[in-house]
Amino acid sequence: MSLIKFSCMTSLLFVTAFAAAAPNRNTDKPAPPAPEALHEKLAQISQDPARLSAAIQRGQKDAAVCRHCHGAGGNSVLPEVPNLASQNAAYLLEQMNKFVQGQRKSSAFMEGMIKALTPDERIAIALFLSQQPLAHKPAAAHSAAGKRLYDKLCISCHGASGTGTHMIPRLAGQQAVYLEGSLKRYRSGNGERIDPRMAAYTRNLKDADIRSLAAYLTTLQP
């Protein structure tokens, strides 16, 4: 075999081996942004009126996938489905991030739907829903027992008005049936709702206590 032919064959083998070992740059997808980066972007958009307005407009369109269960503008008509209207934007984004990362598994349907959203869509939806007014409901009977429990266990994190802050959810005006179910899941520690503080605060609550708390929270209207 001639030296030229041998050299060409060697070069071809080297190129073939390199191509097989190298990643396919045309098909490789970039790594998704970290949750911290998404929260930073949400904060930046929130501080820029023009970007915020554009994001809310986009979020109104993107949130169409939420409307079937959570209602128009995030006001649920199903007692077991939470209101998302006026919820804290960072909290909404964090919950969507947890569905994407498999850290929240309360609904396979929700997991699949949220995983199909892009990061920018998740941000826009969170901002849109946070700006929607929570529909006024007729005031329920005031629960004095629920208020005592709230002042003892919940007020330090969720605030006197139940509106929460940043990553802490708004509870005021939430669906009573949904609240009862969530509190019971925190209490049971069955894996769907895991939070050390919530587990500690709900551990000794009786079902009657949970009903009283939920009834009180529904009276905290916007």
N, C-alpha and C. Protein backbone atom coordinates (compact mmCIF):
# COMPACT_ATOMS: atom_id res chain seq x y z
N MET A 1 0.87 -1.20 0.00
CA MET A 1 0.00 0.00 0.00
C MET A 1 0.89 1.24 0.00
N SER A 2 0.52 2.19 -0.83
CA SER A 2 1.35 3.39 -0.91
C SER A 2 1.22 4.20 0.36
N LEU A 3 2.24 5.01 0.60
CA LEU A 3 2.26 5.86 1.79
C LEU A 3 1.10 6.85 1.75
N ILE A 4 0.78 7.38 0.57
CA ILE A 4 -0.30 8.37 0.44
C ILE A 4 -1.64 7.74 0.78
N LYS A 5 -1.84 6.49 0.22
CA LYS A 5 -3.11 5.80 0.47
C LYS A 5 -3.26 5.46 1.95
N PHE A 6 -2.19 5.01 2.58
CA PHE A 6 -2.22 4.68 4.00
C PHE A 6 -2.53 5.90 4.84
N SER A 7 -1.92 7.03 4.48
CA SER A 7 -2.14 8.28 5.21
C SER A 7 -3.59 8.71 5.10
N CYS A 8 -4.19 8.58 3.90
CA CYS A 8 -5.58 8.98 3.71
C CYS A 8 -6.51 8.10 4.53
N MET A 9 -6.24 6.79 4.55
CA MET A 9 -7.08 5.87 5.30
C MET A 9 -7.00 6.16 6.80
N THR A 10 -5.78 6.47 7.26
CA THR A 10 -5.60 6.79 8.68
C THR A 10 -6.37 8.04 9.06
N SER A 11 -6.32 9.04 8.19
CA SER A 11 -7.03 10.29 8.45
C SER A 11 -8.53 10.06 8.50
N LEU A 12 -9.04 9.21 7.58
CA LEU A 12 -10.47 8.93 7.53
C LEU A 12 -10.93 8.23 8.80
N LEU A 13 -10.13 7.26 9.26
CA LEU A 13 -10.47 6.55 10.50
C LEU A 13 -10.48 7.50 11.69
N PHE A 14 -9.54 8.42 11.73
CA PHE A 14 -9.46 9.38 12.84
C PHE A 14 -10.67 10.29 12.86
N VAL A 15 -11.05 10.81 11.67
CA VAL A 15 -12.20 11.71 11.58
C VAL A 15 -13.48 10.98 11.96
N THR A 16 -13.64 9.73 11.51
CA THR A 16 -14.83 8.94 11.83
C THR A 16 -14.93 8.70 13.33
N ALA A 17 -13.80 8.34 13.95
CA ALA A 17 -13.80 8.10 15.39
C ALA A 17 -14.11 9.36 16.17
N PHE A 18 -13.56 10.49 15.74
CA PHE A 18 -13.81 11.76 16.42
C PHE A 18 -15.27 12.16 16.32
N ALA A 19 -15.85 11.97 15.13
CA ALA A 19 -17.26 12.33 14.92
C ALA A 19 -18.17 11.48 15.78
N ALA A 20 -17.82 10.21 15.93
CA ALA A 20 -18.65 9.33 16.76
C ALA A 20 -18.57 9.71 18.22
N ALA A 21 -17.39 10.14 18.66
CA ALA A 21 -17.20 10.47 20.08
C ALA A 21 -17.72 11.84 20.42
N ALA A 22 -17.70 12.76 19.47
CA ALA A 22 -18.11 14.13 19.76
C ALA A 22 -19.62 14.23 19.87
N PRO A 23 -20.13 15.13 20.73
CA PRO A 23 -21.57 15.32 20.82
C PRO A 23 -22.13 15.91 19.55
N ASN A 24 -23.36 15.54 19.23
CA ASN A 24 -24.03 16.09 18.05
C ASN A 24 -24.52 17.48 18.38
N ARG A 25 -23.81 18.46 17.90
CA ARG A 25 -24.11 19.84 18.27
C ARG A 25 -25.38 20.34 17.61
N ASN A 26 -25.87 19.64 16.62
CA ASN A 26 -27.09 20.07 15.96
C ASN A 26 -28.33 19.61 16.70
N THR A 27 -28.20 18.54 17.49
CA THR A 27 -29.37 17.98 18.17
C THR A 27 -29.31 18.16 19.68
N ASP A 28 -28.12 18.38 20.25
CA ASP A 28 -28.03 18.56 21.70
C ASP A 28 -28.80 19.80 22.13
N LYS A 29 -29.63 19.66 23.15
CA LYS A 29 -30.38 20.79 23.67
C LYS A 29 -29.60 21.45 24.80
N PRO A 30 -29.67 22.76 24.91
CA PRO A 30 -28.97 23.42 26.01
C PRO A 30 -29.61 23.04 27.34
N ALA A 31 -28.81 23.05 28.38
CA ALA A 31 -29.32 22.72 29.71
C ALA A 31 -30.37 23.75 30.11
N PRO A 32 -31.47 23.31 30.73
CA PRO A 32 -32.50 24.26 31.16
C PRO A 32 -31.95 25.20 32.23
N PRO A 33 -32.43 26.42 32.29
CA PRO A 33 -31.94 27.36 33.31
C PRO A 33 -32.29 26.88 34.71
N ALA A 34 -31.44 27.18 35.65
CA ALA A 34 -31.68 26.80 37.04
C ALA A 34 -32.85 27.60 37.61
N PRO A 35 -33.56 27.04 38.59
CA PRO A 35 -34.67 27.78 39.21
C PRO A 35 -34.26 29.15 39.71
N GLU A 36 -33.05 29.26 40.24
CA GLU A 36 -32.58 30.56 40.74
C GLU A 36 -32.51 31.59 39.63
N ALA A 37 -32.09 31.15 38.45
CA ALA A 37 -32.01 32.07 37.31
C ALA A 37 -33.39 32.52 36.87
N LEU A 38 -34.37 31.62 36.95
CA LEU A 38 -35.74 31.99 36.58
C LEU A 38 -36.32 33.00 37.57
N HIS A 39 -36.04 32.80 38.84
CA HIS A 39 -36.53 33.75 39.85
C HIS A 39 -35.87 35.12 39.69
N GLU A 40 -34.59 35.11 39.32
CA GLU A 40 -33.90 36.38 39.09
C GLU A 40 -34.52 37.11 37.89
N LYS A 41 -34.83 36.35 36.84
CA LYS A 41 -35.44 36.96 35.65
C LYS A 41 -36.83 37.49 35.98
N LEU A 42 -37.61 36.73 36.76
CA LEU A 42 -38.94 37.20 37.17
C LEU A 42 -38.84 38.51 37.94
N ALA A 43 -37.87 38.60 38.85
CA ALA A 43 -37.68 39.83 39.64
C ALA A 43 -37.30 41.01 38.74
N GLN A 44 -36.43 40.76 37.77
CA GLN A 44 -36.03 41.83 36.86
C GLN A 44 -37.21 42.33 36.03
N ILE A 45 -38.02 41.40 35.53
CA ILE A 45 -39.20 41.79 34.75
C ILE A 45 -40.18 42.58 35.60
N SER A 46 -40.36 42.15 36.85
CA SER A 46 -41.31 42.81 37.75
C SER A 46 -40.95 44.26 38.00
N GLN A 47 -39.65 44.59 37.90
CA GLN A 47 -39.19 45.95 38.19
C GLN A 47 -39.15 46.84 36.95
N ASP A 48 -39.50 46.27 35.79
CA ASP A 48 -39.47 47.03 34.54
C ASP A 48 -40.90 47.10 34.01
N PRO A 49 -41.57 48.27 34.10
CA PRO A 49 -42.99 48.37 33.71
C PRO A 49 -43.27 47.88 32.29
N ALA A 50 -42.40 48.19 31.35
CA ALA A 50 -42.63 47.79 29.96
C ALA A 50 -42.54 46.27 29.81
N ARG A 51 -41.51 45.68 30.40
CA ARG A 51 -41.35 44.22 30.31
C ARG A 51 -42.46 43.50 31.07
N LEU A 52 -42.87 44.09 32.20
CA LEU A 52 -43.94 43.49 32.99
C LEU A 52 -45.24 43.47 32.20
N SER A 53 -45.56 44.59 31.56
CA SER A 53 -46.79 44.66 30.77
C SER A 53 -46.78 43.63 29.65
N ALA A 54 -45.64 43.49 28.98
CA ALA A 54 -45.53 42.52 27.88
C ALA A 54 -45.66 41.09 28.40
N ALA A 55 -45.05 40.83 29.55
CA ALA A 55 -45.11 39.48 30.14
C ALA A 55 -46.53 39.13 30.56
N ILE A 56 -47.25 40.09 31.11
CA ILE A 56 -48.63 39.84 31.52
C ILE A 56 -49.51 39.54 30.31
N GLN A 57 -49.29 40.28 29.22
CA GLN A 57 -50.05 40.02 28.00
C GLN A 57 -49.76 38.62 27.47
N ARG A 58 -48.49 38.25 27.50
CA ARG A 58 -48.14 36.90 27.04
C ARG A 58 -48.71 35.86 27.99
N GLY A 59 -48.63 36.15 29.28
CA GLY A 59 -49.13 35.20 30.28
C GLY A 59 -50.62 34.95 30.15
N GLN A 60 -51.37 35.97 29.75
CA GLN A 60 -52.81 35.78 29.56
C GLN A 60 -53.08 34.72 28.50
N LYS A 61 -52.27 34.73 27.44
CA LYS A 61 -52.42 33.72 26.37
C LYS A 61 -51.93 32.37 26.85
N ASP A 62 -50.75 32.35 27.49
CA ASP A 62 -50.16 31.08 27.90
C ASP A 62 -50.97 30.40 29.00
N ALA A 63 -51.66 31.19 29.82
CA ALA A 63 -52.43 30.63 30.94
C ALA A 63 -53.73 29.97 30.49
N ALA A 64 -53.99 29.96 29.20
CA ALA A 64 -55.19 29.30 28.70
C ALA A 64 -55.21 27.83 29.12
N VAL A 65 -54.03 27.23 29.26
CA VAL A 65 -53.97 25.81 29.65
C VAL A 65 -54.40 25.60 31.10
N CYS A 66 -54.39 26.66 31.90
CA CYS A 66 -54.75 26.56 33.31
C CYS A 66 -56.25 26.78 33.55
N ARG A 67 -56.90 27.41 32.56
CA ARG A 67 -58.27 27.90 32.74
C ARG A 67 -59.27 26.78 32.98
N HIS A 68 -59.04 25.62 32.38
CA HIS A 68 -60.02 24.54 32.47
C HIS A 68 -60.22 24.07 33.92
N CYS A 69 -59.17 24.09 34.70
CA CYS A 69 -59.27 23.63 36.10
C CYS A 69 -59.31 24.79 37.08
N HIS A 70 -58.46 25.80 36.85
CA HIS A 70 -58.31 26.89 37.83
C HIS A 70 -59.21 28.09 37.55
N GLY A 71 -59.99 28.02 36.48
CA GLY A 71 -60.95 29.08 36.20
C GLY A 71 -60.35 30.27 35.47
N ALA A 72 -61.24 31.10 34.94
CA ALA A 72 -60.80 32.31 34.23
C ALA A 72 -60.08 33.24 35.18
N GLY A 73 -58.89 33.68 34.79
CA GLY A 73 -58.12 34.58 35.64
C GLY A 73 -57.65 33.95 36.93
N GLY A 74 -57.69 32.61 37.01
CA GLY A 74 -57.21 31.93 38.21
C GLY A 74 -58.21 31.84 39.33
N ASN A 75 -59.49 32.15 39.07
CA ASN A 75 -60.54 32.02 40.08
C ASN A 75 -61.25 30.69 39.88
N SER A 76 -60.92 29.74 40.71
CA SER A 76 -61.44 28.38 40.57
C SER A 76 -62.91 28.29 40.93
N VAL A 77 -63.62 27.46 40.18
CA VAL A 77 -65.01 27.18 40.51
C VAL A 77 -65.16 25.76 41.07
N LEU A 78 -64.05 25.06 41.22
CA LEU A 78 -64.05 23.71 41.76
C LEU A 78 -63.50 23.75 43.19
N PRO A 79 -64.24 23.24 44.16
CA PRO A 79 -63.83 23.39 45.56
C PRO A 79 -62.49 22.76 45.91
N GLU A 80 -62.11 21.71 45.17
CA GLU A 80 -60.85 21.02 45.48
C GLU A 80 -59.66 21.57 44.69
N VAL A 81 -59.93 22.54 43.82
CA VAL A 81 -58.87 23.14 42.98
C VAL A 81 -58.58 24.54 43.48
N PRO A 82 -57.31 24.88 43.71
CA PRO A 82 -56.99 26.18 44.33
C PRO A 82 -57.18 27.37 43.41
N ASN A 83 -57.53 28.49 44.02
CA ASN A 83 -57.46 29.77 43.31
C ASN A 83 -55.99 30.11 43.07
N LEU A 84 -55.70 30.64 41.89
CA LEU A 84 -54.35 31.12 41.59
C LEU A 84 -54.33 32.64 41.44
N ALA A 85 -55.49 33.24 41.30
CA ALA A 85 -55.57 34.70 41.17
C ALA A 85 -54.99 35.37 42.41
N SER A 86 -54.19 36.41 42.18
CA SER A 86 -53.55 37.21 43.24
C SER A 86 -52.54 36.42 44.07
N GLN A 87 -52.21 35.21 43.62
CA GLN A 87 -51.18 34.46 44.34
C GLN A 87 -49.82 35.10 44.07
N ASN A 88 -48.89 34.96 44.99
CA ASN A 88 -47.57 35.57 44.84
C ASN A 88 -46.83 34.95 43.65
N ALA A 89 -46.32 35.80 42.76
CA ALA A 89 -45.71 35.33 41.52
C ALA A 89 -44.53 34.39 41.75
N ALA A 90 -43.66 34.74 42.69
CA ALA A 90 -42.50 33.88 42.95
C ALA A 90 -42.92 32.52 43.46
N TYR A 91 -43.97 32.49 44.27
CA TYR A 91 -44.48 31.20 44.76
C TYR A 91 -45.04 30.37 43.62
N LEU A 92 -45.82 30.99 42.73
CA LEU A 92 -46.36 30.26 41.59
C LEU A 92 -45.24 29.69 40.73
N LEU A 93 -44.22 30.50 40.47
CA LEU A 93 -43.10 30.03 39.66
C LEU A 93 -42.38 28.88 40.34
N GLU A 94 -42.19 28.99 41.65
CA GLU A 94 -41.49 27.94 42.39
C GLU A 94 -42.25 26.62 42.32
N GLN A 95 -43.59 26.69 42.44
CA GLN A 95 -44.38 25.45 42.36
C GLN A 95 -44.29 24.83 40.97
N MET A 96 -44.31 25.66 39.93
CA MET A 96 -44.15 25.12 38.58
C MET A 96 -42.77 24.50 38.40
N ASN A 97 -41.74 25.14 38.95
CA ASN A 97 -40.39 24.57 38.89
C ASN A 97 -40.35 23.21 39.56
N LYS A 98 -41.06 23.08 40.68
CA LYS A 98 -41.05 21.80 41.40
C LYS A 98 -41.75 20.71 40.61
N PHE A 99 -42.82 21.05 39.91
CA PHE A 99 -43.46 20.06 39.04
C PHE A 99 -42.48 19.61 37.95
N VAL A 100 -41.77 20.56 37.36
CA VAL A 100 -40.82 20.24 36.28
C VAL A 100 -39.71 19.34 36.80
N GLN A 101 -39.23 19.60 38.01
CA GLN A 101 -38.11 18.83 38.57
C GLN A 101 -38.56 17.55 39.26
N GLY A 102 -39.86 17.28 39.27
CA GLY A 102 -40.37 16.07 39.90
C GLY A 102 -40.41 16.13 41.41
N GLN A 103 -40.31 17.34 41.97
CA GLN A 103 -40.34 17.49 43.43
C GLN A 103 -41.76 17.63 43.98
N ARG A 104 -42.71 17.83 43.07
CA ARG A 104 -44.11 17.91 43.47
C ARG A 104 -44.89 16.96 42.57
N LYS A 105 -45.59 16.00 43.16
CA LYS A 105 -46.19 14.92 42.40
C LYS A 105 -47.67 14.74 42.72
N SER A 106 -48.35 15.81 43.08
CA SER A 106 -49.75 15.67 43.46
C SER A 106 -50.64 15.37 42.27
N SER A 107 -50.16 15.62 41.05
CA SER A 107 -50.99 15.42 39.87
C SER A 107 -50.11 15.12 38.66
N ALA A 108 -50.28 13.92 38.08
CA ALA A 108 -49.53 13.56 36.89
C ALA A 108 -49.93 14.46 35.72
N PHE A 109 -51.20 14.85 35.67
CA PHE A 109 -51.67 15.74 34.62
C PHE A 109 -50.95 17.08 34.70
N MET A 110 -50.85 17.64 35.93
CA MET A 110 -50.16 18.91 36.10
C MET A 110 -48.69 18.80 35.73
N GLU A 111 -48.07 17.71 36.13
CA GLU A 111 -46.65 17.51 35.80
C GLU A 111 -46.43 17.59 34.29
N GLY A 112 -47.24 16.82 33.55
CA GLY A 112 -47.07 16.78 32.11
C GLY A 112 -47.34 18.12 31.46
N MET A 113 -48.37 18.81 31.93
CA MET A 113 -48.74 20.09 31.33
C MET A 113 -47.66 21.15 31.57
N ILE A 114 -47.15 21.21 32.80
CA ILE A 114 -46.16 22.23 33.13
C ILE A 114 -44.81 21.93 32.50
N LYS A 115 -44.46 20.65 32.40
CA LYS A 115 -43.20 20.29 31.74
C LYS A 115 -43.21 20.69 30.26
N ALA A 116 -44.40 20.80 29.68
CA ALA A 116 -44.50 21.19 28.28
C ALA A 116 -44.31 22.69 28.08
N LEU A 117 -44.35 23.47 29.18
CA LEU A 117 -44.17 24.92 29.09
C LEU A 117 -42.69 25.27 29.05
N THR A 118 -42.34 26.32 28.32
CA THR A 118 -40.97 26.81 28.33
C THR A 118 -40.75 27.61 29.62
N PRO A 119 -39.50 27.84 30.02
CA PRO A 119 -39.24 28.67 31.20
C PRO A 119 -39.87 30.05 31.10
N ASP A 120 -39.80 30.67 29.93
CA ASP A 120 -40.39 32.01 29.76
C ASP A 120 -41.91 31.96 29.89
N GLU A 121 -42.51 30.90 29.43
CA GLU A 121 -43.96 30.76 29.59
C GLU A 121 -44.35 30.61 31.05
N ARG A 122 -43.55 29.88 31.81
CA ARG A 122 -43.83 29.73 33.24
C ARG A 122 -43.74 31.08 33.95
N ILE A 123 -42.74 31.88 33.60
CA ILE A 123 -42.59 33.20 34.20
C ILE A 123 -43.78 34.08 33.85
N ALA A 124 -44.17 34.07 32.57
CA ALA A 124 -45.28 34.92 32.13
C ALA A 124 -46.59 34.52 32.80
N ILE A 125 -46.84 33.24 32.93
CA ILE A 125 -48.06 32.76 33.59
C ILE A 125 -48.08 33.19 35.05
N ALA A 126 -46.95 33.04 35.74
CA ALA A 126 -46.88 33.43 37.15
C ALA A 126 -47.18 34.91 37.32
N LEU A 127 -46.60 35.74 36.45
CA LEU A 127 -46.83 37.18 36.55
C LEU A 127 -48.27 37.54 36.21
N PHE A 128 -48.83 36.91 35.18
CA PHE A 128 -50.22 37.20 34.80
C PHE A 128 -51.17 36.86 35.94
N LEU A 129 -51.06 35.65 36.49
CA LEU A 129 -51.99 35.22 37.53
C LEU A 129 -51.84 36.05 38.80
N SER A 130 -50.62 36.47 39.10
CA SER A 130 -50.40 37.26 40.31
C SER A 130 -51.09 38.62 40.24
N GLN A 131 -51.35 39.09 39.01
CA GLN A 131 -51.96 40.40 38.82
C GLN A 131 -53.48 40.34 38.69
N GLN A 132 -54.05 39.14 38.69
CA GLN A 132 -55.50 39.02 38.51
C GLN A 132 -56.23 39.17 39.85
N PRO A 133 -57.34 39.90 39.87
CA PRO A 133 -58.08 40.08 41.13
C PRO A 133 -58.74 38.79 41.57
N LEU A 134 -58.69 38.56 42.86
CA LEU A 134 -59.37 37.40 43.43
C LEU A 134 -60.85 37.74 43.55
N ALA A 135 -61.69 36.91 42.97
CA ALA A 135 -63.12 37.18 42.94
C ALA A 135 -63.68 37.25 44.35
N HIS A 136 -64.50 38.25 44.59
CA HIS A 136 -65.12 38.41 45.90
C HIS A 136 -66.20 37.36 46.09
N LYS A 137 -66.18 36.72 47.24
CA LYS A 137 -67.20 35.73 47.57
C LYS A 137 -68.00 36.21 48.77
N PRO A 138 -69.24 35.77 48.88
CA PRO A 138 -70.02 36.11 50.08
C PRO A 138 -69.27 35.64 51.33
N ALA A 139 -69.21 36.50 52.31
CA ALA A 139 -68.46 36.17 53.53
C ALA A 139 -69.07 34.96 54.22
N ALA A 140 -68.21 33.98 54.55
CA ALA A 140 -68.67 32.81 55.30
C ALA A 140 -68.76 33.18 56.77
N ALA A 141 -69.37 32.29 57.50
CA ALA A 141 -69.47 32.52 58.94
C ALA A 141 -68.07 32.59 59.54
N HIS A 142 -67.82 33.60 60.34
CA HIS A 142 -66.50 33.77 60.94
C HIS A 142 -66.20 32.64 61.91
N SER A 143 -65.01 32.10 61.84
CA SER A 143 -64.60 31.02 62.74
C SER A 143 -63.62 31.55 63.77
N ALA A 144 -64.13 31.76 65.00
CA ALA A 144 -63.27 32.26 66.07
C ALA A 144 -62.18 31.26 66.40
N ALA A 145 -62.55 29.97 66.38
CA ALA A 145 -61.54 28.93 66.68
C ALA A 145 -60.46 28.93 65.60
N GLY A 146 -60.88 29.11 64.34
CA GLY A 146 -59.90 29.16 63.26
C GLY A 146 -58.96 30.33 63.37
N LYS A 147 -59.48 31.48 63.79
CA LYS A 147 -58.62 32.66 63.97
C LYS A 147 -57.60 32.43 65.07
N ARG A 148 -58.03 31.81 66.16
CA ARG A 148 -57.08 31.54 67.26
C ARG A 148 -55.96 30.62 66.78
N LEU A 149 -56.31 29.60 66.03
CA LEU A 149 -55.29 28.69 65.50
C LEU A 149 -54.37 29.41 64.51
N TYR A 150 -54.96 30.24 63.67
CA TYR A 150 -54.16 30.97 62.69
C TYR A 150 -53.17 31.90 63.39
N ASP A 151 -53.65 32.64 64.38
CA ASP A 151 -52.77 33.56 65.10
C ASP A 151 -51.66 32.83 65.83
N LYS A 152 -51.93 31.61 66.24
CA LYS A 152 -50.94 30.83 66.99
C LYS A 152 -49.92 30.16 66.07
N LEU A 153 -50.38 29.63 64.93
CA LEU A 153 -49.53 28.76 64.11
C LEU A 153 -49.07 29.37 62.79
N CYS A 154 -49.87 30.24 62.20
CA CYS A 154 -49.66 30.61 60.80
C CYS A 154 -49.22 32.05 60.56
N ILE A 155 -49.58 32.94 61.48
CA ILE A 155 -49.45 34.37 61.22
C ILE A 155 -47.99 34.80 61.02
N SER A 156 -47.06 34.12 61.67
CA SER A 156 -45.66 34.55 61.58
C SER A 156 -45.11 34.39 60.16
N CYS A 157 -45.63 33.45 59.38
CA CYS A 157 -45.16 33.25 58.01
C CYS A 157 -46.11 33.84 56.97
N HIS A 158 -47.41 33.63 57.16
CA HIS A 158 -48.39 34.03 56.14
C HIS A 158 -48.95 35.42 56.37
N GLY A 159 -48.61 36.06 57.49
CA GLY A 159 -49.01 37.43 57.73
C GLY A 159 -50.41 37.57 58.29
N ALA A 160 -50.68 38.72 58.89
CA ALA A 160 -51.97 38.96 59.54
C ALA A 160 -53.12 38.91 58.55
N SER A 161 -52.88 39.30 57.31
CA SER A 161 -53.94 39.31 56.31
C SER A 161 -53.97 38.04 55.47
N GLY A 162 -53.05 37.12 55.72
CA GLY A 162 -53.03 35.86 54.98
C GLY A 162 -52.53 35.96 53.57
N THR A 163 -51.81 37.04 53.24
CA THR A 163 -51.35 37.24 51.86
C THR A 163 -49.95 36.67 51.59
N GLY A 164 -49.25 36.24 52.63
CA GLY A 164 -47.93 35.66 52.44
C GLY A 164 -46.93 36.67 51.92
N THR A 165 -45.75 36.20 51.56
CA THR A 165 -44.71 37.05 50.99
C THR A 165 -43.82 36.21 50.08
N HIS A 166 -43.49 36.73 48.91
CA HIS A 166 -42.51 36.14 48.02
C HIS A 166 -42.78 34.64 47.82
N MET A 167 -42.02 33.77 48.48
CA MET A 167 -42.16 32.33 48.30
C MET A 167 -43.23 31.71 49.20
N ILE A 168 -43.84 32.50 50.05
CA ILE A 168 -44.85 31.99 50.97
C ILE A 168 -46.22 32.30 50.37
N PRO A 169 -47.07 31.29 50.23
CA PRO A 169 -48.32 31.50 49.47
C PRO A 169 -49.35 32.35 50.19
N ARG A 170 -50.16 32.98 49.37
CA ARG A 170 -51.36 33.66 49.86
C ARG A 170 -52.37 32.59 50.23
N LEU A 171 -52.98 32.73 51.40
CA LEU A 171 -54.04 31.82 51.84
C LEU A 171 -55.40 32.50 51.89
N ALA A 172 -55.41 33.82 51.98
CA ALA A 172 -56.66 34.57 52.09
C ALA A 172 -57.55 34.31 50.89
N GLY A 173 -58.81 33.96 51.16
CA GLY A 173 -59.77 33.75 50.09
C GLY A 173 -59.60 32.46 49.32
N GLN A 174 -58.76 31.56 49.83
CA GLN A 174 -58.52 30.30 49.14
C GLN A 174 -59.71 29.35 49.31
N GLN A 175 -59.80 28.36 48.44
CA GLN A 175 -60.87 27.37 48.50
C GLN A 175 -60.75 26.54 49.79
N ALA A 176 -61.85 26.46 50.55
CA ALA A 176 -61.80 25.76 51.84
C ALA A 176 -61.48 24.28 51.68
N VAL A 177 -62.12 23.63 50.72
CA VAL A 177 -61.89 22.19 50.53
C VAL A 177 -60.44 21.93 50.14
N TYR A 178 -59.89 22.79 49.28
CA TYR A 178 -58.50 22.64 48.89
C TYR A 178 -57.57 22.83 50.10
N LEU A 179 -57.84 23.84 50.93
CA LEU A 179 -57.02 24.08 52.11
C LEU A 179 -57.06 22.90 53.06
N GLU A 180 -58.23 22.36 53.27
CA GLU A 180 -58.36 21.21 54.17
C GLU A 180 -57.52 20.03 53.67
N GLY A 181 -57.62 19.76 52.37
CA GLY A 181 -56.85 18.66 51.80
C GLY A 181 -55.35 18.88 51.91
N SER A 182 -54.90 20.10 51.66
CA SER A 182 -53.46 20.41 51.73
C SER A 182 -52.94 20.26 53.15
N LEU A 183 -53.69 20.78 54.11
CA LEU A 183 -53.26 20.69 55.51
C LEU A 183 -53.18 19.23 55.97
N LYS A 184 -54.13 18.43 55.52
CA LYS A 184 -54.11 17.01 55.90
C LYS A 184 -52.92 16.29 55.27
N ARG A 185 -52.55 16.67 54.05
CA ARG A 185 -51.39 16.04 53.42
C ARG A 185 -50.10 16.45 54.11
N TYR A 186 -50.00 17.73 54.52
CA TYR A 186 -48.84 18.12 55.31
C TYR A 186 -48.78 17.33 56.61
N ARG A 187 -49.92 17.17 57.24
CA ARG A 187 -49.98 16.46 58.52
C ARG A 187 -49.58 15.00 58.37
N SER A 188 -50.00 14.36 57.28
CA SER A 188 -49.74 12.93 57.10
C SER A 188 -48.31 12.65 56.66
N GLY A 189 -47.67 13.65 56.00
CA GLY A 189 -46.30 13.45 55.53
C GLY A 189 -46.19 12.30 54.54
N ASN A 190 -47.18 12.18 53.64
CA ASN A 190 -47.22 11.05 52.71
C ASN A 190 -46.38 11.25 51.46
N GLY A 191 -45.64 12.34 51.40
CA GLY A 191 -44.76 12.57 50.25
C GLY A 191 -45.26 13.58 49.26
N GLU A 192 -46.57 13.87 49.27
CA GLU A 192 -47.10 14.86 48.34
C GLU A 192 -46.82 16.28 48.81
N ARG A 193 -46.85 16.48 50.09
CA ARG A 193 -46.59 17.80 50.66
C ARG A 193 -45.59 17.64 51.78
N ILE A 194 -44.35 18.03 51.53
CA ILE A 194 -43.30 17.88 52.53
C ILE A 194 -42.66 19.23 52.80
N ASP A 195 -42.77 19.69 54.03
CA ASP A 195 -42.15 20.93 54.46
C ASP A 195 -41.98 20.81 55.97
N PRO A 196 -40.75 20.86 56.47
CA PRO A 196 -40.53 20.64 57.90
C PRO A 196 -41.36 21.54 58.80
N ARG A 197 -41.47 22.83 58.44
CA ARG A 197 -42.24 23.75 59.28
C ARG A 197 -43.72 23.39 59.26
N MET A 198 -44.26 23.15 58.07
CA MET A 198 -45.67 22.81 57.97
C MET A 198 -45.96 21.48 58.66
N ALA A 199 -45.05 20.54 58.55
CA ALA A 199 -45.25 19.25 59.22
C ALA A 199 -45.32 19.45 60.73
N ALA A 200 -44.44 20.31 61.26
CA ALA A 200 -44.43 20.57 62.71
C ALA A 200 -45.70 21.27 63.17
N TYR A 201 -46.17 22.23 62.37
CA TYR A 201 -47.33 23.02 62.77
C TYR A 201 -48.65 22.26 62.62
N THR A 202 -48.69 21.29 61.72
CA THR A 202 -49.94 20.56 61.49
C THR A 202 -50.00 19.22 62.20
N ARG A 203 -48.90 18.78 62.77
CA ARG A 203 -48.80 17.42 63.32
C ARG A 203 -49.90 17.12 64.33
N ASN A 204 -50.23 18.09 65.17
CA ASN A 204 -51.19 17.84 66.25
C ASN A 204 -52.58 18.38 65.97
N LEU A 205 -52.82 18.82 64.74
CA LEU A 205 -54.14 19.35 64.41
C LEU A 205 -55.14 18.22 64.22
N LYS A 206 -56.30 18.37 64.80
CA LYS A 206 -57.39 17.43 64.58
C LYS A 206 -58.15 17.86 63.31
N ASP A 207 -58.97 16.97 62.79
CA ASP A 207 -59.75 17.31 61.59
C ASP A 207 -60.62 18.54 61.84
N ALA A 208 -61.17 18.65 63.04
CA ALA A 208 -62.02 19.80 63.37
C ALA A 208 -61.20 21.09 63.36
N ASP A 209 -59.94 21.02 63.81
CA ASP A 209 -59.06 22.19 63.79
C ASP A 209 -58.80 22.63 62.35
N ILE A 210 -58.56 21.66 61.49
CA ILE A 210 -58.28 21.97 60.09
C ILE A 210 -59.50 22.60 59.43
N ARG A 211 -60.68 22.10 59.73
CA ARG A 211 -61.89 22.70 59.17
C ARG A 211 -62.06 24.14 59.65
N SER A 212 -61.76 24.38 60.92
CA SER A 212 -61.88 25.73 61.48
C SER A 212 -60.89 26.68 60.82
N LEU A 213 -59.65 26.23 60.63
CA LEU A 213 -58.63 27.06 59.98
C LEU A 213 -59.05 27.41 58.55
N ALA A 214 -59.49 26.40 57.80
CA ALA A 214 -59.88 26.64 56.42
C ALA A 214 -61.08 27.60 56.35
N ALA A 215 -62.03 27.42 57.26
CA ALA A 215 -63.21 28.29 57.26
C ALA A 215 -62.80 29.73 57.55
N TYR A 216 -61.86 29.92 58.47
CA TYR A 216 -61.40 31.28 58.78
C TYR A 216 -60.71 31.92 57.59
N LEU A 217 -59.86 31.17 56.92
CA LEU A 217 -59.09 31.71 55.79
C LEU A 217 -59.97 32.14 54.64
N THR A 218 -61.08 31.46 54.45
CA THR A 218 -61.97 31.89 53.36
C THR A 218 -62.63 33.24 53.66
N THR A 219 -62.67 33.64 54.94
CA THR A 219 -63.28 34.92 55.28
C THR A 219 -62.31 36.07 55.05
N LEU A 220 -61.03 35.78 54.85
CA LEU A 220 -60.04 36.84 54.61
C LEU A 220 -60.11 37.22 53.15
N GLN A 221 -61.03 38.09 52.82
CA GLN A 221 -61.28 38.48 51.44
C GLN A 221 -60.34 39.61 51.02
N PRO A 222 -60.16 39.77 49.69
CA PRO A 222 -59.27 40.84 49.18
C PRO A 222 -59.81 42.22 49.55
